[in-house]
Amino acid sequence: MSMQKPFALKKYFSIGRVFRNEAVGWTHLVEFHQIEGLVCDRGLTLCDLIGVLHDFYSHLGMTNLKFKPAYNPYTEPNKEIFSYHEGFKKWVEVGNSGMLQPIGLPENVYSVGPFP
C-alpha cells in the first residue's frame, strides 16, 4: 500500500448574485442569488454529498427531497435536486450537484459539490 500524503479537510462556499440571459417565467427571474459549496476530503462518496444536501435543505425547511440523474460537464455523477412544493402541489427543482473529477488531487481525495 502506498503512503498517502497528509491532507486536511477543505470546505469552500460562495454566495452571490447571478444574471441569467433568458426570458422571465413563472418559475424564475433573470436575476437570482446562488450558493456554491465544495467539500474536499479523503474517501468522499455520492452518499456523503446527498447527506450534506439533505442537511442543508432541511435548514431551509425543505425536507421532502428527491434526486434525479443529470448531466453537467464538470461533475460525474450528477444529481438534480427537487423539493415538493405544497403550494404548487408539484416537485420544483432547487439545485444541482455532483462529484468533481479528482484530477490534480492527492490519491483518494474527492470533492463533492457544487451545491446546492
C-alpha atoms as a PDB file:
ATOM      1  CA  MET A   1       0.000   0.000   0.000  1.00  0.00           C
ATOM      2  CA  SER A   2       1.380   3.409  -0.926  1.00  0.00           C
ATOM      3  CA  MET A   3       1.958   6.135   1.636  1.00  0.00           C
ATOM      4  CA  GLN A   4      -0.623   8.901   1.382  1.00  0.00           C
ATOM      5  CA  LYS A   5       0.467  12.482   1.783  1.00  0.00           C
ATOM      6  CA  PRO A   6      -1.267  14.373   4.602  1.00  0.00           C
ATOM      7  CA  PHE A   7      -4.438  16.099   3.510  1.00  0.00           C
ATOM      8  CA  ALA A   8      -6.756  18.208   5.652  1.00  0.00           C
ATOM      9  CA  LEU A   9     -10.479  18.570   5.037  1.00  0.00           C
ATOM     10  CA  LYS A  10     -11.245  21.633   2.896  1.00  0.00           C
ATOM     11  CA  LYS A  11     -14.575  23.485   2.653  1.00  0.00           C
ATOM     12  CA  TYR A  12     -15.273  26.391   0.307  1.00  0.00           C
ATOM     13  CA  PHE A  13     -18.508  28.336  -0.010  1.00  0.00           C
ATOM     14  CA  SER A  14     -19.609  31.337  -2.042  1.00  0.00           C
ATOM     15  CA  ILE A  15     -22.870  33.279  -2.117  1.00  0.00           C
ATOM     16  CA  GLY A  16     -23.572  35.781  -4.865  1.00  0.00           C
ATOM     17  CA  ARG A  17     -25.944  37.345  -7.339  1.00  0.00           C
ATOM     18  CA  VAL A  18     -26.365  35.679 -10.740  1.00  0.00           C
ATOM     19  CA  PHE A  19     -27.745  37.044 -14.018  1.00  0.00           C
ATOM     20  CA  ARG A  20     -29.373  34.630 -16.464  1.00  0.00           C
ATOM     21  CA  ASN A  21     -29.900  35.974 -20.007  1.00  0.00           C
ATOM     22  CA  GLU A  22     -33.242  34.361 -20.814  1.00  0.00           C
ATOM     23  CA  ALA A  23     -36.946  35.097 -20.726  1.00  0.00           C
ATOM     24  CA  VAL A  24     -38.669  35.602 -17.390  1.00  0.00           C
ATOM     25  CA  GLY A  25     -41.022  32.763 -16.477  1.00  0.00           C
ATOM     26  CA  TRP A  26     -43.360  31.946 -13.624  1.00  0.00           C
ATOM     27  CA  THR A  27     -40.670  29.770 -12.030  1.00  0.00           C
ATOM     28  CA  HIS A  28     -37.634  32.037 -12.440  1.00  0.00           C
ATOM     29  CA  LEU A  29     -36.391  35.575 -12.983  1.00  0.00           C
ATOM     30  CA  VAL A  30     -33.348  36.837 -14.884  1.00  0.00           C
ATOM     31  CA  GLU A  31     -31.574  37.633 -11.606  1.00  0.00           C
ATOM     32  CA  PHE A  32     -31.283  35.449  -8.524  1.00  0.00           C
ATOM     33  CA  HIS A  33     -28.939  34.597  -5.661  1.00  0.00           C
ATOM     34  CA  GLN A  34     -26.969  31.372  -5.648  1.00  0.00           C
ATOM     35  CA  ILE A  35     -24.809  29.490  -3.175  1.00  0.00           C
ATOM     36  CA  GLU A  36     -21.942  27.268  -4.259  1.00  0.00           C
ATOM     37  CA  GLY A  37     -20.242  24.819  -1.960  1.00  0.00           C
ATOM     38  CA  LEU A  38     -17.303  22.492  -2.321  1.00  0.00           C
ATOM     39  CA  VAL A  39     -16.032  19.956   0.208  1.00  0.00           C
ATOM     40  CA  CYS A  40     -12.729  18.091  -0.366  1.00  0.00           C
ATOM     41  CA  ASP A  41     -11.644  15.149   1.770  1.00  0.00           C
ATOM     42  CA  ARG A  42     -10.394  11.595   1.547  1.00  0.00           C
ATOM     43  CA  GLY A  43     -12.916   8.914   0.641  1.00  0.00           C
ATOM     44  CA  LEU A  44     -15.976  11.097  -0.005  1.00  0.00           C
ATOM     45  CA  THR A  45     -18.824   9.408  -1.873  1.00  0.00           C
ATOM     46  CA  LEU A  46     -22.088  10.381  -3.525  1.00  0.00           C
ATOM     47  CA  CYS A  47     -23.841   9.298  -0.306  1.00  0.00           C
ATOM     48  CA  ASP A  48     -21.827  11.942   1.583  1.00  0.00           C
ATOM     49  CA  LEU A  49     -22.964  14.590  -0.895  1.00  0.00           C
ATOM     50  CA  ILE A  50     -26.622  13.588  -0.611  1.00  0.00           C
ATOM     51  CA  GLY A  51     -26.329  13.679   3.191  1.00  0.00           C
ATOM     52  CA  VAL A  52     -24.896  17.215   3.089  1.00  0.00           C
ATOM     53  CA  LEU A  53     -27.692  18.310   0.747  1.00  0.00           C
ATOM     54  CA  HIS A  54     -30.416  16.824   2.969  1.00  0.00           C
ATOM     55  CA  ASP A  55     -28.907  18.673   5.950  1.00  0.00           C
ATOM     56  CA  PHE A  56     -28.566  21.968   4.040  1.00  0.00           C
ATOM     57  CA  TYR A  57     -32.098  21.965   2.637  1.00  0.00           C
ATOM     58  CA  SER A  58     -33.645  20.866   5.953  1.00  0.00           C
ATOM     59  CA  HIS A  59     -32.339  24.122   7.446  1.00  0.00           C
ATOM     60  CA  LEU A  60     -34.348  25.931   4.750  1.00  0.00           C
ATOM     61  CA  GLY A  61     -37.497  23.978   5.626  1.00  0.00           C
ATOM     62  CA  MET A  62     -37.247  21.621   2.643  1.00  0.00           C
ATOM     63  CA  THR A  63     -37.413  18.069   3.963  1.00  0.00           C
ATOM     64  CA  ASN A  64     -39.201  16.279   1.100  1.00  0.00           C
ATOM     65  CA  LEU A  65     -36.387  15.977  -1.470  1.00  0.00           C
ATOM     66  CA  LYS A  66     -35.706  13.740  -4.425  1.00  0.00           C
ATOM     67  CA  PHE A  67     -32.646  13.441  -6.630  1.00  0.00           C
ATOM     68  CA  LYS A  68     -32.544  12.664 -10.352  1.00  0.00           C
ATOM     69  CA  PRO A  69     -29.527  11.831 -12.512  1.00  0.00           C
ATOM     70  CA  ALA A  70     -28.372  14.813 -14.573  1.00  0.00           C
ATOM     71  CA  TYR A  71     -25.610  15.897 -16.919  1.00  0.00           C
ATOM     72  CA  ASN A  72     -23.047  18.544 -16.038  1.00  0.00           C
ATOM     73  CA  PRO A  73     -19.747  18.688 -17.930  1.00  0.00           C
ATOM     74  CA  TYR A  74     -17.638  19.281 -14.803  1.00  0.00           C
ATOM     75  CA  THR A  75     -19.057  16.660 -12.412  1.00  0.00           C
ATOM     76  CA  GLU A  76     -19.762  12.926 -12.509  1.00  0.00           C
ATOM     77  CA  PRO A  77     -22.013  11.505 -11.143  1.00  0.00           C
ATOM     78  CA  ASN A  78     -24.510  14.380 -11.133  1.00  0.00           C
ATOM     79  CA  LYS A  79     -27.848  14.918  -9.449  1.00  0.00           C
ATOM     80  CA  GLU A  80     -30.614  17.486  -9.898  1.00  0.00           C
ATOM     81  CA  ILE A  81     -32.339  18.259  -6.606  1.00  0.00           C
ATOM     82  CA  PHE A  82     -36.113  18.651  -6.340  1.00  0.00           C
ATOM     83  CA  SER A  83     -38.259  19.666  -3.374  1.00  0.00           C
ATOM     84  CA  TYR A  84     -42.003  19.111  -3.160  1.00  0.00           C
ATOM     85  CA  HIS A  85     -43.831  22.458  -3.022  1.00  0.00           C
ATOM     86  CA  GLU A  86     -47.119  22.176  -1.131  1.00  0.00           C
ATOM     87  CA  GLY A  87     -48.488  25.414  -2.631  1.00  0.00           C
ATOM     88  CA  PHE A  88     -47.867  24.353  -6.236  1.00  0.00           C
ATOM     89  CA  LYS A  89     -48.613  20.674  -5.474  1.00  0.00           C
ATOM     90  CA  LYS A  90     -45.610  19.687  -7.569  1.00  0.00           C
ATOM     91  CA  TRP A  91     -41.883  18.997  -7.472  1.00  0.00           C
ATOM     92  CA  VAL A  92     -39.720  22.100  -8.041  1.00  0.00           C
ATOM     93  CA  GLU A  93     -36.043  21.995  -8.999  1.00  0.00           C
ATOM     94  CA  VAL A  94     -33.967  23.659  -6.273  1.00  0.00           C
ATOM     95  CA  GLY A  95     -30.405  22.779  -7.259  1.00  0.00           C
ATOM     96  CA  ASN A  96     -27.730  20.728  -8.993  1.00  0.00           C
ATOM     97  CA  SER A  97     -24.852  18.799  -7.514  1.00  0.00           C
ATOM     98  CA  GLY A  98     -22.218  16.209  -8.248  1.00  0.00           C
ATOM     99  CA  MET A  99     -18.785  14.765  -7.606  1.00  0.00           C
ATOM    100  CA  LEU A 100     -15.984  16.763  -9.183  1.00  0.00           C
ATOM    101  CA  GLN A 101     -13.431  14.731 -11.079  1.00  0.00           C
ATOM    102  CA  PRO A 102     -10.373  14.216  -8.842  1.00  0.00           C
ATOM    103  CA  ILE A 103      -7.883  15.427 -11.469  1.00  0.00           C
ATOM    104  CA  GLY A 104      -4.922  17.053  -9.715  1.00  0.00           C
ATOM    105  CA  LEU A 105      -5.981  15.995  -6.212  1.00  0.00           C
ATOM    106  CA  PRO A 106      -3.949  13.680  -3.985  1.00  0.00           C
ATOM    107  CA  GLU A 107      -4.763   9.956  -4.067  1.00  0.00           C
ATOM    108  CA  ASN A 108      -8.186   9.069  -2.600  1.00  0.00           C
ATOM    109  CA  VAL A 109      -9.185  12.763  -2.205  1.00  0.00           C
ATOM    110  CA  TYR A 110     -12.576  13.624  -3.688  1.00  0.00           C
ATOM    111  CA  SER A 111     -14.643  16.785  -3.982  1.00  0.00           C
ATOM    112  CA  VAL A 112     -18.405  16.961  -3.637  1.00  0.00           C
ATOM    113  CA  GLY A 113     -20.266  19.952  -4.984  1.00  0.00           C
ATOM    114  CA  PRO A 114     -21.177  22.304  -6.379  1.00  0.00           C
ATOM    115  CA  PHE A 115     -24.253  22.553  -4.275  1.00  0.00           C
ATOM    116  CA  PRO A 116     -26.937  23.368  -3.932  1.00  0.00           C
END
